[in-house]
């Protein structure tokens, strides 16, 4: 796969907004639409059920609002999402028979019951969508007051945390500092790579959630080379994150075999993974990231003279056999 120049990338950035029921997603959406950012945003709102009400709760503005009411965005209506994204681009280009729509980016608000993975996969599995849009970030709103119960009771809430690039710990004013700190540790144990912000009424600097290139690992590493270096914490949650680092070069064929076995046997339980690899005989860093069994990899820039070449990556998933992953990865070190 050829490397895409992020500076000249003409694709429209897309932010996926997720979070459990009542966490504050629509409040955040309204905050984004009324903030003084000077951007025009096309909003896709998903409702679970035939009659939607979220559209009525979204502030009246110049932004275009599109509803999908056929069911959960993560399962039955991926076709609708692809169609709407296609129609949006036709409208932006002023195609015949289409109402002209001007927008700089797209924001998708999923239902609180949605698993965000298939939504994100849409931007990889559909060639036309992948050519027109780029996934900028997945932002998950967490209800600080009720997160413990949601994470204990529902796989959906766990998956929303696991796939996030940014976690907004919302309603922070309703919990004590001690409880907030415990919740942060729990979230970090589930997804050590996500940036966490504490918020009230979903108020957040827009620059922390829009246009951050967080789903693009290469750009993220340029901004924060050590962002993967989160220390894992012990917790009973099924969802957890594993961090790997190795300064010795890896054997490309061994790594490919590891990935093949990993994805065929554990792909469904592997939610997100991303990292940079130091491959023997390759002067450039190799960037890779994926969702479940879909992954991309590409050579990046050459290692700088001031850098120590190394491999580091994070795996986020459910019921991960840490010992197995570490044994398999250790076997990838070049002879």
C-alpha atoms as a PDB file:
ATOM      1  CA  UNK A   1       0.000   0.000   0.000  1.00  0.00           C
ATOM      2  CA  UNK A   2       1.401   3.372  -0.957  1.00  0.00           C
ATOM      3  CA  UNK A   3       1.866   6.041   1.649  1.00  0.00           C
ATOM      4  CA  UNK A   4      -0.637   8.893   1.519  1.00  0.00           C
ATOM      5  CA  UNK A   5       0.745  12.354   2.067  1.00  0.00           C
ATOM      6  CA  UNK A   6      -1.279  13.680   4.980  1.00  0.00           C
ATOM      7  CA  UNK A   7      -0.572  17.318   4.095  1.00  0.00           C
ATOM      8  CA  UNK A   8      -2.030  17.063   0.591  1.00  0.00           C
ATOM      9  CA  UNK A   9      -4.654  14.420   1.350  1.00  0.00           C
ATOM     10  CA  UNK A  10      -7.771  15.736  -0.411  1.00  0.00           C
ATOM     11  CA  UNK A  11     -10.199  13.392   1.327  1.00  0.00           C
ATOM     12  CA  UNK A  12     -12.911  14.664   3.644  1.00  0.00           C
ATOM     13  CA  UNK A  13     -12.132  13.941   7.328  1.00  0.00           C
ATOM     14  CA  UNK A  14     -14.743  12.003   9.296  1.00  0.00           C
ATOM     15  CA  UNK A  15     -15.197  11.888  13.070  1.00  0.00           C
ATOM     16  CA  UNK A  16     -17.241   9.091  14.624  1.00  0.00           C
ATOM     17  CA  UNK A  17     -18.972  10.117  17.843  1.00  0.00           C
ATOM     18  CA  UNK A  18     -20.013   7.256  20.071  1.00  0.00           C
ATOM     19  CA  UNK A  19     -20.839   6.567  23.702  1.00  0.00           C
ATOM     20  CA  UNK A  20     -23.418   4.753  25.768  1.00  0.00           C
ATOM     21  CA  UNK A  21     -27.006   5.905  26.154  1.00  0.00           C
ATOM     22  CA  UNK A  22     -27.241   9.194  28.041  1.00  0.00           C
ATOM     23  CA  UNK A  23     -23.505   9.844  28.114  1.00  0.00           C
ATOM     24  CA  UNK A  24     -23.818  13.253  26.462  1.00  0.00           C
ATOM     25  CA  UNK A  25     -23.290  12.623  22.734  1.00  0.00           C
ATOM     26  CA  UNK A  26     -26.003  14.962  21.502  1.00  0.00           C
ATOM     27  CA  UNK A  27     -24.823  17.645  23.944  1.00  0.00           C
ATOM     28  CA  UNK A  28     -21.334  17.282  22.479  1.00  0.00           C
ATOM     29  CA  UNK A  29     -22.728  17.412  18.958  1.00  0.00           C
ATOM     30  CA  UNK A  30     -24.532  20.659  19.716  1.00  0.00           C
ATOM     31  CA  UNK A  31     -21.358  22.040  21.256  1.00  0.00           C
ATOM     32  CA  UNK A  32     -19.431  21.240  18.078  1.00  0.00           C
ATOM     33  CA  UNK A  33     -22.085  22.779  15.825  1.00  0.00           C
ATOM     34  CA  UNK A  34     -22.214  26.043  17.776  1.00  0.00           C
ATOM     35  CA  UNK A  35     -18.472  26.418  18.439  1.00  0.00           C
ATOM     36  CA  UNK A  36     -16.577  29.181  16.666  1.00  0.00           C
ATOM     37  CA  UNK A  37     -14.436  26.993  14.405  1.00  0.00           C
ATOM     38  CA  UNK A  38     -15.405  28.369  10.994  1.00  0.00           C
ATOM     39  CA  UNK A  39     -15.963  24.931   9.485  1.00  0.00           C
ATOM     40  CA  UNK A  40     -19.046  23.565   7.778  1.00  0.00           C
ATOM     41  CA  UNK A  41     -19.992  20.141   9.081  1.00  0.00           C
ATOM     42  CA  UNK A  42     -22.281  17.516   7.575  1.00  0.00           C
ATOM     43  CA  UNK A  43     -23.844  15.482  10.387  1.00  0.00           C
ATOM     44  CA  UNK A  44     -25.122  11.921  10.092  1.00  0.00           C
ATOM     45  CA  UNK A  45     -27.338  10.978  13.033  1.00  0.00           C
ATOM     46  CA  UNK A  46     -28.278   7.342  13.586  1.00  0.00           C
ATOM     47  CA  UNK A  47     -31.377   6.327  15.534  1.00  0.00           C
ATOM     48  CA  UNK A  48     -32.304   2.836  16.648  1.00  0.00           C
ATOM     49  CA  UNK A  49     -35.895   2.478  15.524  1.00  0.00           C
ATOM     50  CA  UNK A  50     -38.128   3.814  12.788  1.00  0.00           C
ATOM     51  CA  UNK A  51     -38.828   7.208  14.337  1.00  0.00           C
ATOM     52  CA  UNK A  52     -35.886   9.385  15.263  1.00  0.00           C
ATOM     53  CA  UNK A  53     -35.809  12.149  17.834  1.00  0.00           C
ATOM     54  CA  UNK A  54     -32.118  13.061  17.896  1.00  0.00           C
ATOM     55  CA  UNK A  55     -32.571  15.236  14.825  1.00  0.00           C
ATOM     56  CA  UNK A  56     -35.118  17.278  16.792  1.00  0.00           C
ATOM     57  CA  UNK A  57     -32.612  17.709  19.632  1.00  0.00           C
ATOM     58  CA  UNK A  58     -29.800  18.952  17.402  1.00  0.00           C
ATOM     59  CA  UNK A  59     -29.517  22.711  17.219  1.00  0.00           C
ATOM     60  CA  UNK A  60     -30.791  24.458  14.129  1.00  0.00           C
ATOM     61  CA  UNK A  61     -27.790  25.548  12.107  1.00  0.00           C
ATOM     62  CA  UNK A  62     -26.386  25.642   8.596  1.00  0.00           C
ATOM     63  CA  UNK A  63     -25.117  22.113   8.931  1.00  0.00           C
ATOM     64  CA  UNK A  64     -26.792  19.375   6.943  1.00  0.00           C
ATOM     65  CA  UNK A  65     -28.430  16.704   9.120  1.00  0.00           C
ATOM     66  CA  UNK A  66     -29.009  13.216   7.723  1.00  0.00           C
ATOM     67  CA  UNK A  67     -30.900  10.555   9.646  1.00  0.00           C
ATOM     68  CA  UNK A  68     -30.762   6.788   9.330  1.00  0.00           C
ATOM     69  CA  UNK A  69     -33.674   5.148  11.091  1.00  0.00           C
ATOM     70  CA  UNK A  70     -33.609   1.616   9.719  1.00  0.00           C
ATOM     71  CA  UNK A  71     -31.724   0.179  12.643  1.00  0.00           C
ATOM     72  CA  UNK A  72     -28.345   0.135  14.308  1.00  0.00           C
ATOM     73  CA  UNK A  73     -25.693   1.810  12.201  1.00  0.00           C
ATOM     74  CA  UNK A  74     -23.247  -0.970  13.008  1.00  0.00           C
ATOM     75  CA  UNK A  75     -25.230  -3.757  11.408  1.00  0.00           C
ATOM     76  CA  UNK A  76     -28.261  -3.322   9.161  1.00  0.00           C
ATOM     77  CA  UNK A  77     -27.628   0.109   7.705  1.00  0.00           C
ATOM     78  CA  UNK A  78     -24.010   0.114   6.548  1.00  0.00           C
ATOM     79  CA  UNK A  79     -25.461   0.286   3.034  1.00  0.00           C
ATOM     80  CA  UNK A  80     -27.340   3.439   4.037  1.00  0.00           C
ATOM     81  CA  UNK A  81     -24.167   4.962   5.442  1.00  0.00           C
ATOM     82  CA  UNK A  82     -22.286   4.279   2.207  1.00  0.00           C
ATOM     83  CA  UNK A  83     -25.186   5.692   0.189  1.00  0.00           C
ATOM     84  CA  UNK A  84     -25.415   8.863   2.280  1.00  0.00           C
ATOM     85  CA  UNK A  85     -21.661   9.431   2.095  1.00  0.00           C
ATOM     86  CA  UNK A  86     -21.851   9.010  -1.663  1.00  0.00           C
ATOM     87  CA  UNK A  87     -24.834  11.363  -1.950  1.00  0.00           C
ATOM     88  CA  UNK A  88     -23.011  13.914   0.209  1.00  0.00           C
ATOM     89  CA  UNK A  89     -20.055  13.970  -2.149  1.00  0.00           C
ATOM     90  CA  UNK A  90     -22.316  14.285  -5.185  1.00  0.00           C
ATOM     91  CA  UNK A  91     -24.022  17.233  -3.499  1.00  0.00           C
ATOM     92  CA  UNK A  92     -20.694  18.806  -2.581  1.00  0.00           C
ATOM     93  CA  UNK A  93     -19.563  18.571  -6.183  1.00  0.00           C
ATOM     94  CA  UNK A  94     -22.848  20.042  -7.399  1.00  0.00           C
ATOM     95  CA  UNK A  95     -23.873  16.990  -9.394  1.00  0.00           C
ATOM     96  CA  UNK A  96     -26.951  17.350 -11.572  1.00  0.00           C
ATOM     97  CA  UNK A  97     -30.158  16.749  -9.638  1.00  0.00           C
ATOM     98  CA  UNK A  98     -28.468  17.224  -6.262  1.00  0.00           C
ATOM     99  CA  UNK A  99     -28.924  20.080  -3.830  1.00  0.00           C
ATOM    100  CA  UNK A 100     -25.590  21.875  -3.498  1.00  0.00           C
ATOM    101  CA  UNK A 101     -24.106  21.191  -0.062  1.00  0.00           C
ATOM    102  CA  UNK A 102     -20.933  22.787   1.237  1.00  0.00           C
ATOM    103  CA  UNK A 103     -19.068  20.991   4.014  1.00  0.00           C
ATOM    104  CA  UNK A 104     -15.497  20.626   5.226  1.00  0.00           C
ATOM    105  CA  UNK A 105     -15.890  17.496   7.348  1.00  0.00           C
ATOM    106  CA  UNK A 106     -18.411  14.848   8.409  1.00  0.00           C
ATOM    107  CA  UNK A 107     -19.472  13.932  11.931  1.00  0.00           C
ATOM    108  CA  UNK A 108     -21.317  10.657  12.522  1.00  0.00           C
ATOM    109  CA  UNK A 109     -23.239  10.278  15.779  1.00  0.00           C
ATOM    110  CA  UNK A 110     -24.020   6.611  16.384  1.00  0.00           C
ATOM    111  CA  UNK A 111     -26.772   5.211  18.553  1.00  0.00           C
ATOM    112  CA  UNK A 112     -25.744   4.485  22.121  1.00  0.00           C
ATOM    113  CA  UNK A 113     -26.170   0.781  21.449  1.00  0.00           C
ATOM    114  CA  UNK A 114     -23.728   0.699  18.548  1.00  0.00           C
ATOM    115  CA  UNK A 115     -20.452  -1.129  18.234  1.00  0.00           C
ATOM    116  CA  UNK A 116     -18.300   1.463  16.416  1.00  0.00           C
ATOM    117  CA  UNK A 117     -16.056  -1.107  14.706  1.00  0.00           C
ATOM    118  CA  UNK A 118     -18.213  -1.807  11.616  1.00  0.00           C
ATOM    119  CA  UNK A 119     -18.765   1.939  11.195  1.00  0.00           C
ATOM    120  CA  UNK A 120     -15.007   2.476  11.127  1.00  0.00           C
ATOM    121  CA  UNK A 121     -14.535  -0.509   8.823  1.00  0.00           C
ATOM    122  CA  UNK A 122     -16.784   1.168   6.263  1.00  0.00           C
ATOM    123  CA  UNK A 123     -13.952   3.580   5.514  1.00  0.00           C
ATOM    124  CA  UNK A 124     -11.666   0.680   4.638  1.00  0.00           C
ATOM    125  CA  UNK A 125     -13.858  -1.992   3.035  1.00  0.00           C
ATOM    126  CA  UNK A 126     -15.692   0.233   0.541  1.00  0.00           C
ATOM    127  CA  UNK A 127     -13.220   1.441  -2.081  1.00  0.00           C
ATOM    128  CA  UNK A 128     -15.246   4.457  -3.170  1.00  0.00           C
ATOM    129  CA  UNK A 129     -15.749   5.652   0.412  1.00  0.00           C
ATOM    130  CA  UNK A 130     -12.047   5.101   1.178  1.00  0.00           C
ATOM    131  CA  UNK A 131     -11.081   7.232  -1.820  1.00  0.00           C
ATOM    132  CA  UNK A 132     -13.361  10.121  -0.812  1.00  0.00           C
ATOM    133  CA  UNK A 133     -13.195  10.115   2.997  1.00  0.00           C
ATOM    134  CA  UNK A 134     -10.602   9.481   5.688  1.00  0.00           C
ATOM    135  CA  UNK A 135     -11.400   8.439   9.233  1.00  0.00           C
ATOM    136  CA  UNK A 136      -9.963  11.165  11.459  1.00  0.00           C
ATOM    137  CA  UNK A 137     -10.877   9.870  14.925  1.00  0.00           C
ATOM    138  CA  UNK A 138     -13.337   7.907  17.025  1.00  0.00           C
ATOM    139  CA  UNK A 139     -14.497   9.974  20.003  1.00  0.00           C
ATOM    140  CA  UNK A 140     -16.269   8.156  22.838  1.00  0.00           C
ATOM    141  CA  UNK A 141     -18.258   9.996  25.510  1.00  0.00           C
ATOM    142  CA  UNK A 142     -18.227   8.204  28.878  1.00  0.00           C
ATOM    143  CA  UNK A 143     -20.777   8.923  31.614  1.00  0.00           C
ATOM    144  CA  UNK A 144     -18.532   9.246  34.670  1.00  0.00           C
ATOM    145  CA  UNK A 145     -21.468   8.721  37.030  1.00  0.00           C
ATOM    146  CA  UNK A 146     -22.748   5.485  35.489  1.00  0.00           C
ATOM    147  CA  UNK A 147     -19.734   4.173  33.558  1.00  0.00           C
ATOM    148  CA  UNK A 148     -19.011   1.437  36.089  1.00  0.00           C
ATOM    149  CA  UNK A 149     -22.431  -0.121  35.628  1.00  0.00           C
ATOM    150  CA  UNK A 150     -22.327   0.268  31.835  1.00  0.00           C
ATOM    151  CA  UNK A 151     -18.905  -1.367  31.607  1.00  0.00           C
ATOM    152  CA  UNK A 152     -19.936  -4.184  33.933  1.00  0.00           C
ATOM    153  CA  UNK A 153     -23.193  -4.935  32.143  1.00  0.00           C
ATOM    154  CA  UNK A 154     -22.669  -4.272  28.461  1.00  0.00           C
ATOM    155  CA  UNK A 155     -20.217  -5.385  25.801  1.00  0.00           C
ATOM    156  CA  UNK A 156     -21.249  -2.367  23.726  1.00  0.00           C
ATOM    157  CA  UNK A 157     -19.896   0.071  26.305  1.00  0.00           C
ATOM    158  CA  UNK A 158     -16.642  -1.885  26.524  1.00  0.00           C
ATOM    159  CA  UNK A 159     -16.233  -1.881  22.745  1.00  0.00           C
ATOM    160  CA  UNK A 160     -16.935   1.845  22.549  1.00  0.00           C
ATOM    161  CA  UNK A 161     -14.071   2.428  24.997  1.00  0.00           C
ATOM    162  CA  UNK A 162     -11.794  -0.060  23.251  1.00  0.00           C
ATOM    163  CA  UNK A 163     -12.124   1.539  19.818  1.00  0.00           C
ATOM    164  CA  UNK A 164     -11.788   5.147  20.973  1.00  0.00           C
ATOM    165  CA  UNK A 165      -8.982   7.461  19.942  1.00  0.00           C
ATOM    166  CA  UNK A 166     -10.325  10.065  22.396  1.00  0.00           C
ATOM    167  CA  UNK A 167     -12.299   9.416  25.597  1.00  0.00           C
ATOM    168  CA  UNK A 168     -14.348  12.220  27.123  1.00  0.00           C
ATOM    169  CA  UNK A 169     -14.948  11.478  30.793  1.00  0.00           C
ATOM    170  CA  UNK A 170     -18.179  13.472  30.945  1.00  0.00           C
ATOM    171  CA  UNK A 171     -20.325  14.537  33.922  1.00  0.00           C
ATOM    172  CA  UNK A 172     -17.125  14.667  35.940  1.00  0.00           C
ATOM    173  CA  UNK A 173     -18.798  17.101  38.354  1.00  0.00           C
ATOM    174  CA  UNK A 174     -21.096  14.306  39.536  1.00  0.00           C
ATOM    175  CA  UNK A 175     -18.341  12.091  40.954  1.00  0.00           C
ATOM    176  CA  UNK A 176     -15.604  12.472  43.540  1.00  0.00           C
ATOM    177  CA  UNK A 177     -11.964  12.882  42.597  1.00  0.00           C
ATOM    178  CA  UNK A 178     -11.265   9.426  43.997  1.00  0.00           C
ATOM    179  CA  UNK A 179     -13.942   7.801  41.850  1.00  0.00           C
ATOM    180  CA  UNK A 180     -12.819   9.771  38.797  1.00  0.00           C
ATOM    181  CA  UNK A 181      -9.231   8.620  39.251  1.00  0.00           C
ATOM    182  CA  UNK A 182     -10.320   4.980  39.638  1.00  0.00           C
ATOM    183  CA  UNK A 183     -12.420   5.220  36.480  1.00  0.00           C
ATOM    184  CA  UNK A 184      -9.514   6.711  34.539  1.00  0.00           C
ATOM    185  CA  UNK A 185      -7.311   3.800  35.589  1.00  0.00           C
ATOM    186  CA  UNK A 186      -9.990   1.370  34.465  1.00  0.00           C
ATOM    187  CA  UNK A 187     -10.341   3.085  31.094  1.00  0.00           C
ATOM    188  CA  UNK A 188      -6.567   3.133  30.606  1.00  0.00           C
ATOM    189  CA  UNK A 189      -6.399  -0.587  31.339  1.00  0.00           C
ATOM    190  CA  UNK A 190      -8.940  -1.134  28.560  1.00  0.00           C
ATOM    191  CA  UNK A 191      -7.448   1.302  26.061  1.00  0.00           C
ATOM    192  CA  UNK A 192      -4.042   2.649  26.947  1.00  0.00           C
ATOM    193  CA  UNK A 193      -3.615   4.455  23.617  1.00  0.00           C
ATOM    194  CA  UNK A 194      -6.635   6.779  23.899  1.00  0.00           C
ATOM    195  CA  UNK A 195      -6.331  10.359  25.091  1.00  0.00           C
ATOM    196  CA  UNK A 196      -8.611  11.074  28.075  1.00  0.00           C
ATOM    197  CA  UNK A 197     -10.213  14.461  28.812  1.00  0.00           C
ATOM    198  CA  UNK A 198     -12.482  15.278  31.747  1.00  0.00           C
ATOM    199  CA  UNK A 199     -15.566  17.289  30.787  1.00  0.00           C
ATOM    200  CA  UNK A 200     -18.774  18.806  32.125  1.00  0.00           C
ATOM    201  CA  UNK A 201     -21.760  19.184  29.827  1.00  0.00           C
ATOM    202  CA  UNK A 202     -19.545  17.731  27.077  1.00  0.00           C
ATOM    203  CA  UNK A 203     -17.613  21.004  26.867  1.00  0.00           C
ATOM    204  CA  UNK A 204     -14.269  20.407  25.171  1.00  0.00           C
ATOM    205  CA  UNK A 205     -11.833  22.401  23.057  1.00  0.00           C
ATOM    206  CA  UNK A 206     -12.863  21.463  19.513  1.00  0.00           C
ATOM    207  CA  UNK A 207      -9.205  21.175  18.547  1.00  0.00           C
ATOM    208  CA  UNK A 208      -8.954  18.155  20.859  1.00  0.00           C
ATOM    209  CA  UNK A 209     -11.506  16.134  18.866  1.00  0.00           C
ATOM    210  CA  UNK A 210     -11.648  17.470  15.285  1.00  0.00           C
ATOM    211  CA  UNK A 211      -8.837  17.371  12.766  1.00  0.00           C
ATOM    212  CA  UNK A 212      -6.502  15.530  15.120  1.00  0.00           C
ATOM    213  CA  UNK A 213      -5.545  12.694  12.770  1.00  0.00           C
ATOM    214  CA  UNK A 214      -5.757  10.296  15.701  1.00  0.00           C
ATOM    215  CA  UNK A 215      -6.829   7.340  13.591  1.00  0.00           C
ATOM    216  CA  UNK A 216      -3.775   7.942  11.419  1.00  0.00           C
ATOM    217  CA  UNK A 217      -1.005   6.373  13.456  1.00  0.00           C
ATOM    218  CA  UNK A 218       1.762   7.912  11.367  1.00  0.00           C
ATOM    219  CA  UNK A 219       0.540  11.438  12.059  1.00  0.00           C
ATOM    220  CA  UNK A 220      -0.057  10.607  15.711  1.00  0.00           C
ATOM    221  CA  UNK A 221       3.498   9.357  16.134  1.00  0.00           C
ATOM    222  CA  UNK A 222       4.881  12.493  14.514  1.00  0.00           C
ATOM    223  CA  UNK A 223       3.046  14.620  17.087  1.00  0.00           C
ATOM    224  CA  UNK A 224       3.622  12.368  20.085  1.00  0.00           C
ATOM    225  CA  UNK A 225       6.287   9.669  19.488  1.00  0.00           C
ATOM    226  CA  UNK A 226       5.644   8.069  22.877  1.00  0.00           C
ATOM    227  CA  UNK A 227       1.867   7.965  22.782  1.00  0.00           C
ATOM    228  CA  UNK A 228       1.804   4.161  22.849  1.00  0.00           C
ATOM    229  CA  UNK A 229       3.877   4.007  26.001  1.00  0.00           C
ATOM    230  CA  UNK A 230       0.959   3.751  28.416  1.00  0.00           C
ATOM    231  CA  UNK A 231       1.509   1.473  31.339  1.00  0.00           C
ATOM    232  CA  UNK A 232      -1.047  -1.314  31.525  1.00  0.00           C
ATOM    233  CA  UNK A 233      -3.108  -1.730  34.693  1.00  0.00           C
ATOM    234  CA  UNK A 234      -4.606  -4.855  36.175  1.00  0.00           C
ATOM    235  CA  UNK A 235      -8.373  -5.096  35.998  1.00  0.00           C
ATOM    236  CA  UNK A 236     -11.074  -7.722  35.647  1.00  0.00           C
ATOM    237  CA  UNK A 237     -12.574  -6.247  32.459  1.00  0.00           C
ATOM    238  CA  UNK A 238     -12.698  -8.591  29.479  1.00  0.00           C
ATOM    239  CA  UNK A 239     -11.414  -5.742  27.315  1.00  0.00           C
ATOM    240  CA  UNK A 240      -7.769  -4.850  27.869  1.00  0.00           C
ATOM    241  CA  UNK A 241      -4.786  -3.366  26.061  1.00  0.00           C
ATOM    242  CA  UNK A 242      -1.399  -4.992  25.576  1.00  0.00           C
ATOM    243  CA  UNK A 243       1.728  -2.959  24.848  1.00  0.00           C
ATOM    244  CA  UNK A 244       4.830  -4.309  23.100  1.00  0.00           C
ATOM    245  CA  UNK A 245       8.256  -2.773  22.547  1.00  0.00           C
ATOM    246  CA  UNK A 246      11.389  -4.258  21.006  1.00  0.00           C
ATOM    247  CA  UNK A 247      14.593  -2.536  19.866  1.00  0.00           C
ATOM    248  CA  UNK A 248      16.008  -5.555  18.056  1.00  0.00           C
ATOM    249  CA  UNK A 249      14.968  -5.664  14.364  1.00  0.00           C
ATOM    250  CA  UNK A 250      12.127  -7.959  13.348  1.00  0.00           C
ATOM    251  CA  UNK A 251      12.094 -10.523  10.576  1.00  0.00           C
ATOM    252  CA  UNK A 252       9.455  -9.480   8.028  1.00  0.00           C
ATOM    253  CA  UNK A 253       8.400 -13.019   7.102  1.00  0.00           C
ATOM    254  CA  UNK A 254       8.135 -14.061  10.738  1.00  0.00           C
ATOM    255  CA  UNK A 255       6.037 -10.982  11.480  1.00  0.00           C
ATOM    256  CA  UNK A 256       3.761 -11.710   8.525  1.00  0.00           C
ATOM    257  CA  UNK A 257       3.216 -15.283   9.749  1.00  0.00           C
ATOM    258  CA  UNK A 258       2.490 -13.972  13.242  1.00  0.00           C
ATOM    259  CA  UNK A 259      -0.103 -11.563  11.857  1.00  0.00           C
ATOM    260  CA  UNK A 260      -1.680 -14.295   9.732  1.00  0.00           C
ATOM    261  CA  UNK A 261      -2.136 -16.640  12.696  1.00  0.00           C
ATOM    262  CA  UNK A 262      -3.130 -13.796  15.001  1.00  0.00           C
ATOM    263  CA  UNK A 263      -5.878 -12.496  12.724  1.00  0.00           C
ATOM    264  CA  UNK A 264      -7.207 -15.912  11.711  1.00  0.00           C
ATOM    265  CA  UNK A 265      -7.436 -17.185  15.292  1.00  0.00           C
ATOM    266  CA  UNK A 266      -7.962 -14.004  17.336  1.00  0.00           C
ATOM    267  CA  UNK A 267      -9.136 -11.404  14.816  1.00  0.00           C
ATOM    268  CA  UNK A 268     -12.711 -11.217  16.063  1.00  0.00           C
ATOM    269  CA  UNK A 269     -11.503 -10.553  19.608  1.00  0.00           C
ATOM    270  CA  UNK A 270      -8.938  -7.971  18.514  1.00  0.00           C
ATOM    271  CA  UNK A 271     -10.674  -4.607  18.353  1.00  0.00           C
ATOM    272  CA  UNK A 272      -7.876  -2.179  17.540  1.00  0.00           C
ATOM    273  CA  UNK A 273      -4.158  -2.481  17.001  1.00  0.00           C
ATOM    274  CA  UNK A 274      -1.614   0.015  15.763  1.00  0.00           C
ATOM    275  CA  UNK A 275       2.092   0.491  15.894  1.00  0.00           C
ATOM    276  CA  UNK A 276       5.435   1.115  14.236  1.00  0.00           C
ATOM    277  CA  UNK A 277       7.776  -1.700  13.260  1.00  0.00           C
ATOM    278  CA  UNK A 278      11.563  -1.873  12.904  1.00  0.00           C
ATOM    279  CA  UNK A 279      12.134  -4.449  10.150  1.00  0.00           C
ATOM    280  CA  UNK A 280      15.574  -5.904   9.420  1.00  0.00           C
ATOM    281  CA  UNK A 281      16.943  -4.624   6.114  1.00  0.00           C
ATOM    282  CA  UNK A 282      14.331  -1.854   5.815  1.00  0.00           C
ATOM    283  CA  UNK A 283      15.576   1.697   6.317  1.00  0.00           C
ATOM    284  CA  UNK A 284      12.085   3.123   6.882  1.00  0.00           C
ATOM    285  CA  UNK A 285       9.733   2.703   9.778  1.00  0.00           C
ATOM    286  CA  UNK A 286       6.787   0.460   8.895  1.00  0.00           C
ATOM    287  CA  UNK A 287       3.432   1.730  10.143  1.00  0.00           C
ATOM    288  CA  UNK A 288       0.560  -0.681  10.647  1.00  0.00           C
ATOM    289  CA  UNK A 289      -2.902  -0.459  12.145  1.00  0.00           C
ATOM    290  CA  UNK A 290      -6.159  -2.343  11.899  1.00  0.00           C
ATOM    291  CA  UNK A 291      -9.633  -3.203  13.090  1.00  0.00           C
ATOM    292  CA  UNK A 292     -10.470  -6.857  13.677  1.00  0.00           C
ATOM    293  CA  UNK A 293      -9.207  -8.673  10.577  1.00  0.00           C
ATOM    294  CA  UNK A 294      -8.773  -5.580   8.420  1.00  0.00           C
ATOM    295  CA  UNK A 295      -5.333  -3.999   8.566  1.00  0.00           C
ATOM    296  CA  UNK A 296      -3.077  -1.704   6.572  1.00  0.00           C
ATOM    297  CA  UNK A 297       0.678  -1.312   6.584  1.00  0.00           C
ATOM    298  CA  UNK A 298       2.999   1.036   4.756  1.00  0.00           C
ATOM    299  CA  UNK A 299       6.631   2.127   4.781  1.00  0.00           C
ATOM    300  CA  UNK A 300       7.067   5.522   6.410  1.00  0.00           C
ATOM    301  CA  UNK A 301      10.019   7.909   6.618  1.00  0.00           C
ATOM    302  CA  UNK A 302      13.530   6.703   7.378  1.00  0.00           C
ATOM    303  CA  UNK A 303      14.633   6.511  10.986  1.00  0.00           C
ATOM    304  CA  UNK A 304      16.245   9.747  12.113  1.00  0.00           C
ATOM    305  CA  UNK A 305      19.861   9.820  13.207  1.00  0.00           C
ATOM    306  CA  UNK A 306      18.708  10.881  16.669  1.00  0.00           C
ATOM    307  CA  UNK A 307      16.296   7.938  16.983  1.00  0.00           C
ATOM    308  CA  UNK A 308      16.914   4.417  18.177  1.00  0.00           C
ATOM    309  CA  UNK A 309      15.064   2.149  15.712  1.00  0.00           C
ATOM    310  CA  UNK A 310      12.498   0.073  17.547  1.00  0.00           C
ATOM    311  CA  UNK A 311       9.135  -1.617  17.256  1.00  0.00           C
ATOM    312  CA  UNK A 312       6.245  -0.653  19.476  1.00  0.00           C
ATOM    313  CA  UNK A 313       2.547  -1.299  19.165  1.00  0.00           C
ATOM    314  CA  UNK A 314      -0.609  -1.703  21.185  1.00  0.00           C
ATOM    315  CA  UNK A 315      -3.319  -4.366  20.869  1.00  0.00           C
ATOM    316  CA  UNK A 316      -6.784  -3.682  22.293  1.00  0.00           C
ATOM    317  CA  UNK A 317      -9.235  -6.542  22.525  1.00  0.00           C
ATOM    318  CA  UNK A 318     -11.304  -8.970  24.564  1.00  0.00           C
ATOM    319  CA  UNK A 319     -10.018 -12.080  26.337  1.00  0.00           C
ATOM    320  CA  UNK A 320      -6.513 -11.647  24.943  1.00  0.00           C
ATOM    321  CA  UNK A 321      -4.017 -14.360  25.872  1.00  0.00           C
ATOM    322  CA  UNK A 322      -1.122 -12.091  26.800  1.00  0.00           C
ATOM    323  CA  UNK A 323       1.362 -14.925  27.212  1.00  0.00           C
ATOM    324  CA  UNK A 324       0.582 -16.242  23.721  1.00  0.00           C
ATOM    325  CA  UNK A 325       0.931 -12.822  22.090  1.00  0.00           C
ATOM    326  CA  UNK A 326       4.233 -12.114  23.823  1.00  0.00           C
ATOM    327  CA  UNK A 327       5.637 -15.537  22.922  1.00  0.00           C
ATOM    328  CA  UNK A 328       4.624 -15.139  19.270  1.00  0.00           C
ATOM    329  CA  UNK A 329       5.990 -11.616  19.041  1.00  0.00           C
ATOM    330  CA  UNK A 330       9.296 -12.608  20.659  1.00  0.00           C
ATOM    331  CA  UNK A 331       9.697 -15.240  17.939  1.00  0.00           C
ATOM    332  CA  UNK A 332       9.583 -12.480  15.293  1.00  0.00           C
ATOM    333  CA  UNK A 333      12.949 -11.038  16.296  1.00  0.00           C
ATOM    334  CA  UNK A 334      15.401 -11.462  13.404  1.00  0.00           C
ATOM    335  CA  UNK A 335      18.227 -13.967  13.766  1.00  0.00           C
END
